[in-house]
Amino acid sequence: MKTKTHDIAATLASRYPALAPLTPTLTSAVEALCACHARNGLVLTCGNGGSAADAGHIAGELLKGFCHPRPPAPRQLLALASQLGDPALAAKFQQGVRAANLCESSAILTATANDLAPELIFAQQVFALGRPGDIVIGLSTSGNALNVTRALQTARACGLLTLGFTGAGPGRMDAFCDLLFKVPEAETYKVQELHLPLYHALCAMTEAELFG
């Protein structure tokens, strides 16, 4: 990996020593995201409550510039400028990693809960949107969220890679994660406090690899 990427991982370990053992998992997750992007794949995120907000946060950091701008490629810039009629506005666009937060569409969430089963609110979207080689990122501070677990199980069945963020205790979703960030805290807010620097590092390192 690039020097910049290693620097981000080293800074994370220095600022949060408790997360240092997760550096190899972080490196593998960055490689997976980069490979997914190279295939024009899709990253799907999900969680409940504060973890739903974190799922949206991750998707947002991937979809546009996070730590650095990601200007359009020259051919993209020309096409945008031609259609918009404004080269300055066209230049404001930034390249992104294709990502979607499965927590945000009330229509499909409520339809699935009402017509199918509440535990399938994320899994149905994974089944409809996911393709082999895509990635599902599931967040659950306890590791026991049934709807997140169902999403990961469905991803496995459909050939997607699964990445989880949990707390220290054993959880039902653990067995369905190809890559698992299990942070050394158990209390919900403390787990979330450690998830944030981890996924910030994940997004920053991915950006450095792809657009740096």
N, C-alpha and C. Protein backbone atom coordinates (compact mmCIF):
# COMPACT_ATOMS: atom_id res chain seq x y z
N MET A 1 0.83 -1.20 0.00
CA MET A 1 0.00 0.00 0.00
C MET A 1 0.87 1.26 0.00
N LYS A 2 0.27 2.38 -0.36
CA LYS A 2 1.00 3.62 -0.46
C LYS A 2 1.44 4.12 0.91
N THR A 3 2.50 4.93 0.92
CA THR A 3 3.02 5.48 2.17
C THR A 3 1.94 6.24 2.92
N LYS A 4 1.14 7.03 2.20
CA LYS A 4 0.08 7.81 2.83
C LYS A 4 -0.89 6.89 3.57
N THR A 5 -1.20 5.75 2.98
CA THR A 5 -2.13 4.82 3.60
C THR A 5 -1.55 4.27 4.90
N HIS A 6 -0.28 3.90 4.86
CA HIS A 6 0.38 3.41 6.07
C HIS A 6 0.40 4.49 7.15
N ASP A 7 0.60 5.73 6.75
CA ASP A 7 0.63 6.83 7.72
C ASP A 7 -0.72 6.97 8.43
N ILE A 8 -1.80 6.82 7.70
CA ILE A 8 -3.14 6.92 8.31
C ILE A 8 -3.33 5.81 9.33
N ALA A 9 -2.93 4.60 8.98
CA ALA A 9 -3.06 3.47 9.90
C ALA A 9 -2.19 3.67 11.13
N ALA A 10 -0.99 4.18 10.93
CA ALA A 10 -0.08 4.42 12.06
C ALA A 10 -0.62 5.50 12.98
N THR A 11 -1.22 6.54 12.41
CA THR A 11 -1.80 7.61 13.21
C THR A 11 -2.97 7.09 14.03
N LEU A 12 -3.79 6.25 13.43
CA LEU A 12 -4.92 5.66 14.15
C LEU A 12 -4.42 4.86 15.35
N ALA A 13 -3.41 4.02 15.14
CA ALA A 13 -2.88 3.19 16.23
C ALA A 13 -2.25 4.03 17.32
N SER A 14 -1.65 5.16 16.93
CA SER A 14 -1.03 6.05 17.91
C SER A 14 -2.08 6.78 18.73
N ARG A 15 -3.13 7.26 18.09
CA ARG A 15 -4.18 8.00 18.79
C ARG A 15 -5.09 7.08 19.60
N TYR A 16 -5.29 5.87 19.10
CA TYR A 16 -6.19 4.91 19.76
C TYR A 16 -5.46 3.58 19.91
N PRO A 17 -4.57 3.46 20.89
CA PRO A 17 -3.78 2.23 21.04
C PRO A 17 -4.63 0.97 21.14
N ALA A 18 -5.83 1.09 21.68
CA ALA A 18 -6.70 -0.09 21.80
C ALA A 18 -7.11 -0.65 20.44
N LEU A 19 -7.01 0.18 19.39
CA LEU A 19 -7.39 -0.26 18.05
C LEU A 19 -6.22 -0.79 17.24
N ALA A 20 -5.01 -0.68 17.77
CA ALA A 20 -3.82 -1.12 17.03
C ALA A 20 -3.91 -2.58 16.57
N PRO A 21 -4.45 -3.51 17.39
CA PRO A 21 -4.54 -4.90 16.92
C PRO A 21 -5.43 -5.10 15.70
N LEU A 22 -6.26 -4.11 15.39
CA LEU A 22 -7.17 -4.23 14.25
C LEU A 22 -6.56 -3.72 12.94
N THR A 23 -5.30 -3.29 12.98
CA THR A 23 -4.65 -2.76 11.78
C THR A 23 -4.64 -3.76 10.63
N PRO A 24 -4.32 -5.04 10.86
CA PRO A 24 -4.37 -5.99 9.73
C PRO A 24 -5.76 -6.10 9.10
N THR A 25 -6.79 -6.09 9.93
CA THR A 25 -8.16 -6.13 9.41
C THR A 25 -8.45 -4.87 8.60
N LEU A 26 -7.98 -3.74 9.10
CA LEU A 26 -8.18 -2.47 8.39
C LEU A 26 -7.52 -2.52 7.02
N THR A 27 -6.31 -3.02 6.96
CA THR A 27 -5.60 -3.13 5.68
C THR A 27 -6.36 -4.02 4.71
N SER A 28 -6.85 -5.15 5.20
CA SER A 28 -7.62 -6.06 4.35
C SER A 28 -8.92 -5.43 3.87
N ALA A 29 -9.56 -4.65 4.74
CA ALA A 29 -10.81 -3.99 4.37
C ALA A 29 -10.58 -2.94 3.29
N VAL A 30 -9.49 -2.20 3.40
CA VAL A 30 -9.15 -1.21 2.37
C VAL A 30 -8.92 -1.90 1.03
N GLU A 31 -8.19 -3.00 1.06
CA GLU A 31 -7.94 -3.75 -0.18
C GLU A 31 -9.25 -4.24 -0.79
N ALA A 32 -10.18 -4.68 0.06
CA ALA A 32 -11.47 -5.15 -0.44
C ALA A 32 -12.28 -4.03 -1.06
N LEU A 33 -12.29 -2.86 -0.42
CA LEU A 33 -13.02 -1.72 -0.97
C LEU A 33 -12.42 -1.27 -2.30
N CYS A 34 -11.11 -1.27 -2.39
CA CYS A 34 -10.46 -0.87 -3.63
C CYS A 34 -10.76 -1.87 -4.75
N ALA A 35 -10.76 -3.15 -4.42
CA ALA A 35 -11.08 -4.16 -5.43
C ALA A 35 -12.52 -4.04 -5.88
N CYS A 36 -13.41 -3.76 -4.95
CA CYS A 36 -14.82 -3.56 -5.29
C CYS A 36 -14.98 -2.37 -6.22
N HIS A 37 -14.30 -1.28 -5.92
CA HIS A 37 -14.37 -0.08 -6.76
C HIS A 37 -13.82 -0.36 -8.15
N ALA A 38 -12.75 -1.14 -8.24
CA ALA A 38 -12.15 -1.45 -9.54
C ALA A 38 -13.12 -2.23 -10.42
N ARG A 39 -14.03 -2.97 -9.81
CA ARG A 39 -15.05 -3.72 -10.57
C ARG A 39 -16.32 -2.91 -10.76
N ASN A 40 -16.30 -1.64 -10.37
CA ASN A 40 -17.49 -0.79 -10.40
C ASN A 40 -18.58 -1.36 -9.51
N GLY A 41 -18.15 -1.99 -8.38
CA GLY A 41 -19.08 -2.60 -7.45
C GLY A 41 -19.74 -1.59 -6.54
N LEU A 42 -20.56 -2.12 -5.64
CA LEU A 42 -21.39 -1.29 -4.76
C LEU A 42 -21.12 -1.68 -3.31
N VAL A 43 -21.00 -0.68 -2.44
CA VAL A 43 -20.84 -0.88 -1.01
C VAL A 43 -22.16 -0.54 -0.34
N LEU A 44 -22.74 -1.49 0.38
CA LEU A 44 -24.02 -1.31 1.05
C LEU A 44 -23.79 -1.30 2.56
N THR A 45 -24.36 -0.32 3.26
CA THR A 45 -24.14 -0.19 4.70
C THR A 45 -25.47 -0.28 5.45
N CYS A 46 -25.42 -0.80 6.69
CA CYS A 46 -26.66 -0.89 7.47
C CYS A 46 -26.35 -1.00 8.96
N GLY A 47 -27.31 -0.57 9.77
CA GLY A 47 -27.22 -0.63 11.22
C GLY A 47 -28.49 -0.05 11.82
N ASN A 48 -28.61 -0.06 13.12
CA ASN A 48 -29.79 0.44 13.82
C ASN A 48 -29.43 1.59 14.76
N GLY A 49 -30.32 2.57 14.90
CA GLY A 49 -30.07 3.66 15.83
C GLY A 49 -28.82 4.44 15.49
N GLY A 50 -27.93 4.57 16.47
CA GLY A 50 -26.67 5.27 16.22
C GLY A 50 -25.85 4.60 15.14
N SER A 51 -25.96 3.29 15.04
CA SER A 51 -25.23 2.57 14.00
C SER A 51 -25.82 2.84 12.62
N ALA A 52 -27.11 3.16 12.55
CA ALA A 52 -27.70 3.58 11.27
C ALA A 52 -27.09 4.91 10.84
N ALA A 53 -26.89 5.81 11.81
CA ALA A 53 -26.23 7.09 11.50
C ALA A 53 -24.80 6.85 11.05
N ASP A 54 -24.12 5.90 11.70
CA ASP A 54 -22.76 5.57 11.28
C ASP A 54 -22.76 4.97 9.87
N ALA A 55 -23.75 4.15 9.56
CA ALA A 55 -23.85 3.58 8.22
C ALA A 55 -23.97 4.69 7.17
N GLY A 56 -24.78 5.70 7.47
CA GLY A 56 -24.89 6.84 6.57
C GLY A 56 -23.61 7.64 6.48
N HIS A 57 -22.93 7.76 7.61
CA HIS A 57 -21.66 8.49 7.66
C HIS A 57 -20.63 7.82 6.74
N ILE A 58 -20.54 6.50 6.82
CA ILE A 58 -19.58 5.77 5.98
C ILE A 58 -19.90 5.99 4.51
N ALA A 59 -21.17 5.81 4.15
CA ALA A 59 -21.55 5.98 2.74
C ALA A 59 -21.24 7.39 2.26
N GLY A 60 -21.50 8.38 3.12
CA GLY A 60 -21.23 9.76 2.74
C GLY A 60 -19.76 10.04 2.49
N GLU A 61 -18.88 9.45 3.32
CA GLU A 61 -17.44 9.68 3.14
C GLU A 61 -16.94 9.02 1.86
N LEU A 62 -17.58 7.92 1.45
CA LEU A 62 -17.15 7.22 0.25
C LEU A 62 -17.62 7.90 -1.03
N LEU A 63 -18.77 8.57 -0.97
CA LEU A 63 -19.41 9.08 -2.18
C LEU A 63 -18.79 10.36 -2.73
N LYS A 64 -18.00 11.06 -1.92
CA LYS A 64 -17.34 12.28 -2.40
C LYS A 64 -16.02 12.45 -1.67
N GLY A 65 -15.32 13.52 -1.95
CA GLY A 65 -14.05 13.76 -1.29
C GLY A 65 -14.19 13.79 0.22
N PHE A 66 -13.28 13.13 0.91
CA PHE A 66 -13.30 13.07 2.38
C PHE A 66 -12.17 13.93 2.92
N CYS A 67 -10.95 13.46 2.85
CA CYS A 67 -9.81 14.26 3.31
C CYS A 67 -9.20 15.08 2.18
N HIS A 68 -9.45 14.68 0.95
CA HIS A 68 -8.84 15.35 -0.19
C HIS A 68 -9.84 15.42 -1.34
N PRO A 69 -9.73 16.41 -2.22
CA PRO A 69 -10.61 16.48 -3.38
C PRO A 69 -10.33 15.33 -4.35
N ARG A 70 -11.35 14.96 -5.09
CA ARG A 70 -11.21 13.90 -6.09
C ARG A 70 -11.78 14.41 -7.41
N PRO A 71 -11.05 15.25 -8.12
CA PRO A 71 -11.59 15.89 -9.32
C PRO A 71 -12.00 14.88 -10.38
N PRO A 72 -12.98 15.24 -11.21
CA PRO A 72 -13.38 14.34 -12.30
C PRO A 72 -12.21 14.07 -13.24
N ALA A 73 -12.25 12.92 -13.89
CA ALA A 73 -11.28 12.64 -14.95
C ALA A 73 -11.52 13.63 -16.09
N PRO A 74 -10.49 13.90 -16.91
CA PRO A 74 -10.65 14.90 -17.98
C PRO A 74 -11.86 14.66 -18.88
N ARG A 75 -12.11 13.41 -19.27
CA ARG A 75 -13.26 13.14 -20.15
C ARG A 75 -14.58 13.39 -19.41
N GLN A 76 -14.61 13.09 -18.11
CA GLN A 76 -15.80 13.36 -17.32
C GLN A 76 -16.04 14.86 -17.22
N LEU A 77 -14.96 15.59 -17.01
CA LEU A 77 -15.06 17.05 -16.89
C LEU A 77 -15.60 17.67 -18.17
N LEU A 78 -15.12 17.20 -19.32
CA LEU A 78 -15.60 17.72 -20.60
C LEU A 78 -17.09 17.43 -20.79
N ALA A 79 -17.49 16.21 -20.46
CA ALA A 79 -18.89 15.84 -20.64
C ALA A 79 -19.80 16.64 -19.72
N LEU A 80 -19.37 16.81 -18.47
CA LEU A 80 -20.17 17.59 -17.52
C LEU A 80 -20.28 19.04 -17.94
N ALA A 81 -19.15 19.62 -18.34
CA ALA A 81 -19.15 21.02 -18.76
C ALA A 81 -20.05 21.23 -19.97
N SER A 82 -20.04 20.26 -20.90
CA SER A 82 -20.87 20.36 -22.09
C SER A 82 -22.36 20.35 -21.74
N GLN A 83 -22.75 19.46 -20.84
CA GLN A 83 -24.16 19.32 -20.49
C GLN A 83 -24.65 20.42 -19.55
N LEU A 84 -23.80 20.82 -18.62
CA LEU A 84 -24.19 21.84 -17.65
C LEU A 84 -24.05 23.25 -18.20
N GLY A 85 -23.19 23.40 -19.21
CA GLY A 85 -22.94 24.73 -19.77
C GLY A 85 -22.19 25.64 -18.82
N ASP A 86 -21.48 25.03 -17.86
CA ASP A 86 -20.79 25.82 -16.84
C ASP A 86 -19.54 25.06 -16.40
N PRO A 87 -18.39 25.32 -17.03
CA PRO A 87 -17.15 24.59 -16.69
C PRO A 87 -16.76 24.72 -15.21
N ALA A 88 -17.02 25.88 -14.61
CA ALA A 88 -16.66 26.07 -13.20
C ALA A 88 -17.49 25.15 -12.31
N LEU A 89 -18.78 25.02 -12.62
CA LEU A 89 -19.64 24.13 -11.85
C LEU A 89 -19.25 22.67 -12.08
N ALA A 90 -18.93 22.33 -13.32
CA ALA A 90 -18.51 20.96 -13.64
C ALA A 90 -17.28 20.56 -12.83
N ALA A 91 -16.39 21.52 -12.62
CA ALA A 91 -15.15 21.23 -11.90
C ALA A 91 -15.36 20.97 -10.42
N LYS A 92 -16.55 21.30 -9.92
CA LYS A 92 -16.84 21.07 -8.50
C LYS A 92 -17.17 19.61 -8.19
N PHE A 93 -17.53 18.84 -9.21
CA PHE A 93 -17.84 17.43 -8.97
C PHE A 93 -16.61 16.69 -8.45
N GLN A 94 -16.87 15.61 -7.69
CA GLN A 94 -15.80 14.78 -7.18
C GLN A 94 -16.11 13.31 -7.43
N GLN A 95 -15.09 12.54 -7.72
CA GLN A 95 -15.27 11.12 -7.93
C GLN A 95 -15.62 10.44 -6.60
N GLY A 96 -16.36 9.35 -6.69
CA GLY A 96 -16.76 8.65 -5.48
C GLY A 96 -16.66 7.14 -5.61
N VAL A 97 -16.71 6.49 -4.48
CA VAL A 97 -16.86 5.04 -4.41
C VAL A 97 -18.37 4.78 -4.33
N ARG A 98 -18.89 3.92 -5.17
CA ARG A 98 -20.34 3.66 -5.20
C ARG A 98 -20.77 3.05 -3.88
N ALA A 99 -21.67 3.74 -3.18
CA ALA A 99 -22.10 3.30 -1.85
C ALA A 99 -23.54 3.72 -1.62
N ALA A 100 -24.25 2.94 -0.79
CA ALA A 100 -25.63 3.26 -0.44
C ALA A 100 -25.90 2.81 0.98
N ASN A 101 -26.56 3.68 1.75
CA ASN A 101 -26.97 3.35 3.11
C ASN A 101 -28.37 2.75 3.07
N LEU A 102 -28.51 1.50 3.50
CA LEU A 102 -29.79 0.80 3.42
C LEU A 102 -30.79 1.23 4.47
N CYS A 103 -30.41 2.15 5.35
CA CYS A 103 -31.28 2.58 6.44
C CYS A 103 -32.20 3.74 6.07
N GLU A 104 -32.04 4.32 4.90
CA GLU A 104 -32.61 5.63 4.66
C GLU A 104 -33.88 5.66 3.81
N SER A 105 -34.24 4.55 3.17
CA SER A 105 -35.42 4.57 2.30
C SER A 105 -36.64 4.06 3.06
N SER A 106 -37.48 4.97 3.54
CA SER A 106 -38.62 4.57 4.36
C SER A 106 -39.60 3.70 3.59
N ALA A 107 -39.72 3.90 2.28
CA ALA A 107 -40.69 3.13 1.50
C ALA A 107 -40.34 1.64 1.49
N ILE A 108 -39.10 1.30 1.14
CA ILE A 108 -38.74 -0.11 1.08
C ILE A 108 -38.60 -0.70 2.48
N LEU A 109 -38.15 0.08 3.45
CA LEU A 109 -38.04 -0.43 4.82
C LEU A 109 -39.41 -0.81 5.37
N THR A 110 -40.38 0.08 5.22
CA THR A 110 -41.70 -0.20 5.78
C THR A 110 -42.45 -1.25 4.97
N ALA A 111 -42.25 -1.26 3.65
CA ALA A 111 -42.90 -2.28 2.83
C ALA A 111 -42.38 -3.67 3.19
N THR A 112 -41.06 -3.78 3.37
CA THR A 112 -40.48 -5.07 3.72
C THR A 112 -40.95 -5.52 5.10
N ALA A 113 -40.93 -4.60 6.06
CA ALA A 113 -41.36 -4.95 7.42
C ALA A 113 -42.82 -5.39 7.44
N ASN A 114 -43.65 -4.74 6.64
CA ASN A 114 -45.08 -5.04 6.64
C ASN A 114 -45.43 -6.27 5.80
N ASP A 115 -44.80 -6.39 4.62
CA ASP A 115 -45.20 -7.42 3.67
C ASP A 115 -44.40 -8.71 3.81
N LEU A 116 -43.16 -8.62 4.28
CA LEU A 116 -42.29 -9.80 4.35
C LEU A 116 -42.02 -10.17 5.80
N ALA A 117 -41.04 -9.49 6.40
CA ALA A 117 -40.71 -9.72 7.82
C ALA A 117 -39.80 -8.59 8.27
N PRO A 118 -40.00 -8.05 9.47
CA PRO A 118 -39.17 -6.93 9.94
C PRO A 118 -37.68 -7.25 9.91
N GLU A 119 -37.31 -8.50 10.16
CA GLU A 119 -35.88 -8.83 10.21
C GLU A 119 -35.23 -8.81 8.83
N LEU A 120 -36.04 -8.66 7.77
CA LEU A 120 -35.51 -8.64 6.41
C LEU A 120 -35.39 -7.24 5.82
N ILE A 121 -35.53 -6.19 6.63
CA ILE A 121 -35.56 -4.83 6.07
C ILE A 121 -34.27 -4.47 5.32
N PHE A 122 -33.14 -4.97 5.77
CA PHE A 122 -31.88 -4.74 5.05
C PHE A 122 -31.59 -5.88 4.08
N ALA A 123 -31.93 -7.09 4.48
CA ALA A 123 -31.62 -8.26 3.66
C ALA A 123 -32.30 -8.21 2.30
N GLN A 124 -33.56 -7.75 2.26
CA GLN A 124 -34.27 -7.66 0.98
C GLN A 124 -33.54 -6.70 0.03
N GLN A 125 -33.05 -5.60 0.56
CA GLN A 125 -32.32 -4.65 -0.27
C GLN A 125 -30.99 -5.24 -0.76
N VAL A 126 -30.32 -5.98 0.11
CA VAL A 126 -29.09 -6.66 -0.30
C VAL A 126 -29.39 -7.64 -1.43
N PHE A 127 -30.48 -8.39 -1.28
CA PHE A 127 -30.87 -9.38 -2.28
C PHE A 127 -31.18 -8.71 -3.62
N ALA A 128 -31.83 -7.55 -3.59
CA ALA A 128 -32.23 -6.86 -4.83
C ALA A 128 -31.08 -6.09 -5.46
N LEU A 129 -30.22 -5.47 -4.64
CA LEU A 129 -29.19 -4.58 -5.17
C LEU A 129 -27.83 -5.23 -5.31
N GLY A 130 -27.52 -6.18 -4.44
CA GLY A 130 -26.18 -6.73 -4.39
C GLY A 130 -25.86 -7.67 -5.54
N ARG A 131 -24.60 -7.65 -5.94
CA ARG A 131 -24.09 -8.55 -6.96
C ARG A 131 -22.78 -9.16 -6.44
N PRO A 132 -22.41 -10.33 -6.93
CA PRO A 132 -21.15 -10.92 -6.47
C PRO A 132 -19.98 -9.95 -6.59
N GLY A 133 -19.19 -9.87 -5.53
CA GLY A 133 -18.07 -8.94 -5.50
C GLY A 133 -18.39 -7.62 -4.83
N ASP A 134 -19.68 -7.32 -4.61
CA ASP A 134 -20.05 -6.13 -3.85
C ASP A 134 -19.74 -6.37 -2.37
N ILE A 135 -19.95 -5.35 -1.55
CA ILE A 135 -19.62 -5.43 -0.12
C ILE A 135 -20.81 -4.97 0.70
N VAL A 136 -21.09 -5.69 1.78
CA VAL A 136 -22.05 -5.23 2.78
C VAL A 136 -21.29 -4.93 4.07
N ILE A 137 -21.49 -3.73 4.59
CA ILE A 137 -20.91 -3.33 5.88
C ILE A 137 -22.05 -3.26 6.89
N GLY A 138 -22.00 -4.11 7.91
CA GLY A 138 -23.03 -4.13 8.94
C GLY A 138 -22.47 -3.68 10.27
N LEU A 139 -23.21 -2.79 10.94
CA LEU A 139 -22.77 -2.27 12.23
C LEU A 139 -23.77 -2.64 13.32
N SER A 140 -23.28 -3.20 14.42
CA SER A 140 -24.11 -3.53 15.58
C SER A 140 -23.22 -3.52 16.80
N THR A 141 -23.50 -2.65 17.75
CA THR A 141 -22.61 -2.54 18.91
C THR A 141 -22.59 -3.82 19.73
N SER A 142 -23.69 -4.55 19.76
CA SER A 142 -23.75 -5.82 20.48
C SER A 142 -23.32 -6.99 19.61
N GLY A 143 -23.42 -6.81 18.30
CA GLY A 143 -23.18 -7.90 17.37
C GLY A 143 -24.36 -8.83 17.23
N ASN A 144 -25.49 -8.46 17.82
CA ASN A 144 -26.66 -9.35 17.85
C ASN A 144 -27.87 -8.82 17.10
N ALA A 145 -27.75 -7.70 16.40
CA ALA A 145 -28.89 -7.15 15.66
C ALA A 145 -29.35 -8.16 14.61
N LEU A 146 -30.59 -8.62 14.75
CA LEU A 146 -31.06 -9.67 13.84
C LEU A 146 -31.16 -9.18 12.41
N ASN A 147 -31.64 -7.95 12.21
CA ASN A 147 -31.79 -7.47 10.83
C ASN A 147 -30.43 -7.28 10.14
N VAL A 148 -29.41 -6.89 10.90
CA VAL A 148 -28.07 -6.77 10.34
C VAL A 148 -27.52 -8.16 10.03
N THR A 149 -27.74 -9.11 10.94
CA THR A 149 -27.29 -10.48 10.71
C THR A 149 -27.92 -11.06 9.46
N ARG A 150 -29.23 -10.84 9.28
CA ARG A 150 -29.91 -11.34 8.08
C ARG A 150 -29.32 -10.73 6.81
N ALA A 151 -28.95 -9.46 6.89
CA ALA A 151 -28.32 -8.81 5.72
C ALA A 151 -26.99 -9.47 5.39
N LEU A 152 -26.20 -9.78 6.42
CA LEU A 152 -24.90 -10.42 6.19
C LEU A 152 -25.07 -11.84 5.67
N GLN A 153 -26.04 -12.57 6.22
CA GLN A 153 -26.30 -13.92 5.73
C GLN A 153 -26.73 -13.90 4.26
N THR A 154 -27.58 -12.95 3.93
CA THR A 154 -28.04 -12.82 2.55
C THR A 154 -26.89 -12.46 1.63
N ALA A 155 -26.03 -11.57 2.10
CA ALA A 155 -24.85 -11.20 1.31
C ALA A 155 -23.99 -12.43 1.02
N ARG A 156 -23.76 -13.23 2.05
CA ARG A 156 -22.99 -14.46 1.88
C ARG A 156 -23.64 -15.37 0.83
N ALA A 157 -24.96 -15.51 0.92
CA ALA A 157 -25.67 -16.38 -0.01
C ALA A 157 -25.56 -15.89 -1.46
N CYS A 158 -25.43 -14.57 -1.62
CA CYS A 158 -25.40 -13.96 -2.96
C CYS A 158 -23.99 -13.66 -3.46
N GLY A 159 -22.98 -14.07 -2.72
CA GLY A 159 -21.61 -13.90 -3.19
C GLY A 159 -20.98 -12.56 -2.92
N LEU A 160 -21.52 -11.82 -1.93
CA LEU A 160 -20.94 -10.53 -1.55
C LEU A 160 -19.96 -10.74 -0.41
N LEU A 161 -19.00 -9.84 -0.27
CA LEU A 161 -18.09 -9.84 0.86
C LEU A 161 -18.75 -9.11 2.02
N THR A 162 -18.53 -9.59 3.24
CA THR A 162 -19.19 -9.00 4.41
C THR A 162 -18.16 -8.44 5.38
N LEU A 163 -18.45 -7.25 5.88
CA LEU A 163 -17.57 -6.54 6.80
C LEU A 163 -18.41 -6.07 7.98
N GLY A 164 -17.98 -6.39 9.19
CA GLY A 164 -18.77 -6.04 10.37
C GLY A 164 -18.03 -5.15 11.35
N PHE A 165 -18.81 -4.31 12.05
CA PHE A 165 -18.32 -3.50 13.16
C PHE A 165 -19.14 -3.88 14.39
N THR A 166 -18.49 -4.38 15.44
CA THR A 166 -19.19 -4.78 16.66
C THR A 166 -18.40 -4.36 17.89
N GLY A 167 -18.92 -4.76 19.06
CA GLY A 167 -18.21 -4.57 20.31
C GLY A 167 -17.49 -5.84 20.73
N ALA A 168 -17.02 -5.84 21.98
CA ALA A 168 -16.11 -6.90 22.44
C ALA A 168 -16.78 -8.26 22.61
N GLY A 169 -18.06 -8.27 22.96
CA GLY A 169 -18.72 -9.53 23.26
C GLY A 169 -18.99 -10.36 22.02
N PRO A 170 -19.19 -11.68 22.20
CA PRO A 170 -19.56 -12.53 21.06
C PRO A 170 -20.95 -12.14 20.57
N GLY A 171 -21.14 -12.17 19.27
CA GLY A 171 -22.43 -11.78 18.69
C GLY A 171 -22.83 -12.74 17.60
N ARG A 172 -24.13 -12.77 17.30
CA ARG A 172 -24.61 -13.71 16.30
C ARG A 172 -24.14 -13.36 14.90
N MET A 173 -23.80 -12.08 14.64
CA MET A 173 -23.35 -11.70 13.31
C MET A 173 -21.89 -12.05 13.05
N ASP A 174 -21.13 -12.36 14.10
CA ASP A 174 -19.69 -12.59 13.95
C ASP A 174 -19.38 -13.65 12.90
N ALA A 175 -20.11 -14.75 12.94
CA ALA A 175 -19.82 -15.88 12.06
C ALA A 175 -20.08 -15.57 10.59
N PHE A 176 -20.77 -14.47 10.31
CA PHE A 176 -21.14 -14.15 8.94
C PHE A 176 -20.34 -12.97 8.38
N CYS A 177 -19.26 -12.60 9.08
CA CYS A 177 -18.40 -11.50 8.64
C CYS A 177 -17.09 -12.04 8.10
N ASP A 178 -16.79 -11.71 6.86
CA ASP A 178 -15.48 -12.07 6.29
C ASP A 178 -14.38 -11.27 6.96
N LEU A 179 -14.67 -10.02 7.28
CA LEU A 179 -13.75 -9.14 7.99
C LEU A 179 -14.53 -8.51 9.14
N LEU A 180 -13.96 -8.55 10.35
CA LEU A 180 -14.70 -8.12 11.52
C LEU A 180 -13.87 -7.17 12.38
N PHE A 181 -14.40 -5.96 12.59
CA PHE A 181 -13.81 -4.99 13.52
C PHE A 181 -14.52 -5.15 14.87
N LYS A 182 -13.92 -5.89 15.76
CA LYS A 182 -14.49 -6.12 17.09
C LYS A 182 -13.70 -5.25 18.07
N VAL A 183 -14.28 -4.10 18.45
CA VAL A 183 -13.55 -3.15 19.28
C VAL A 183 -13.64 -3.55 20.76
N PRO A 184 -12.63 -3.21 21.56
CA PRO A 184 -12.56 -3.67 22.95
C PRO A 184 -13.39 -2.85 23.93
N GLU A 185 -14.67 -2.70 23.63
CA GLU A 185 -15.63 -2.06 24.54
C GLU A 185 -16.95 -2.81 24.43
N ALA A 186 -17.78 -2.70 25.46
CA ALA A 186 -19.07 -3.38 25.47
C ALA A 186 -20.25 -2.43 25.57
N GLU A 187 -20.07 -1.29 26.24
CA GLU A 187 -21.16 -0.34 26.40
C GLU A 187 -21.40 0.38 25.08
N THR A 188 -22.68 0.53 24.74
CA THR A 188 -23.04 0.98 23.39
C THR A 188 -22.30 2.24 22.96
N TYR A 189 -22.36 3.30 23.74
CA TYR A 189 -21.76 4.56 23.28
C TYR A 189 -20.24 4.46 23.20
N LYS A 190 -19.65 3.64 24.05
CA LYS A 190 -18.19 3.46 24.01
C LYS A 190 -17.77 2.67 22.77
N VAL A 191 -18.59 1.70 22.39
CA VAL A 191 -18.32 0.97 21.15
C VAL A 191 -18.39 1.92 19.96
N GLN A 192 -19.42 2.76 19.93
CA GLN A 192 -19.58 3.70 18.83
C GLN A 192 -18.44 4.71 18.77
N GLU A 193 -17.93 5.09 19.93
CA GLU A 193 -16.81 6.03 19.96
C GLU A 193 -15.57 5.44 19.31
N LEU A 194 -15.43 4.12 19.34
CA LEU A 194 -14.28 3.47 18.69
C LEU A 194 -14.58 3.09 17.24
N HIS A 195 -15.84 2.90 16.92
CA HIS A 195 -16.18 2.62 15.52
C HIS A 195 -15.84 3.81 14.64
N LEU A 196 -16.12 5.02 15.12
CA LEU A 196 -15.93 6.21 14.28
C LEU A 196 -14.50 6.38 13.79
N PRO A 197 -13.48 6.36 14.66
CA PRO A 197 -12.12 6.51 14.12
C PRO A 197 -11.71 5.37 13.21
N LEU A 198 -12.27 4.18 13.45
CA LEU A 198 -11.96 3.05 12.57
C LEU A 198 -12.50 3.27 11.17
N TYR A 199 -13.78 3.66 11.07
CA TYR A 199 -14.31 3.81 9.71
C TYR A 199 -13.83 5.10 9.06
N HIS A 200 -13.46 6.09 9.85
CA HIS A 200 -12.79 7.25 9.25
C HIS A 200 -11.48 6.83 8.61
N ALA A 201 -10.70 6.02 9.33
CA ALA A 201 -9.43 5.53 8.78
C ALA A 201 -9.68 4.68 7.54
N LEU A 202 -10.70 3.83 7.59
CA LEU A 202 -11.04 2.99 6.45
C LEU A 202 -11.34 3.84 5.21
N CYS A 203 -12.14 4.88 5.39
CA CYS A 203 -12.50 5.75 4.26
C CYS A 203 -11.31 6.57 3.78
N ALA A 204 -10.51 7.08 4.73
CA ALA A 204 -9.34 7.89 4.35
C ALA A 204 -8.30 7.06 3.63
N MET A 205 -8.08 5.84 4.10
CA MET A 205 -7.09 4.97 3.46
C MET A 205 -7.56 4.54 2.06
N THR A 206 -8.84 4.25 1.94
CA THR A 206 -9.39 3.89 0.63
C THR A 206 -9.25 5.05 -0.35
N GLU A 207 -9.56 6.23 0.13
CA GLU A 207 -9.41 7.44 -0.71
C GLU A 207 -7.97 7.63 -1.14
N ALA A 208 -7.03 7.45 -0.22
CA ALA A 208 -5.62 7.62 -0.56
C ALA A 208 -5.17 6.62 -1.61
N GLU A 209 -5.66 5.39 -1.49
CA GLU A 209 -5.29 4.36 -2.47
C GLU A 209 -5.89 4.64 -3.84
N LEU A 210 -7.14 5.06 -3.88
CA LEU A 210 -7.83 5.20 -5.16
C LEU A 210 -7.64 6.55 -5.83
N PHE A 211 -7.53 7.59 -5.03
CA PHE A 211 -7.53 8.94 -5.61
C PHE A 211 -6.32 9.78 -5.21
N GLY A 212 -5.47 9.22 -4.35
CA GLY A 212 -4.34 10.00 -3.83
C GLY A 212 -3.26 10.25 -4.85
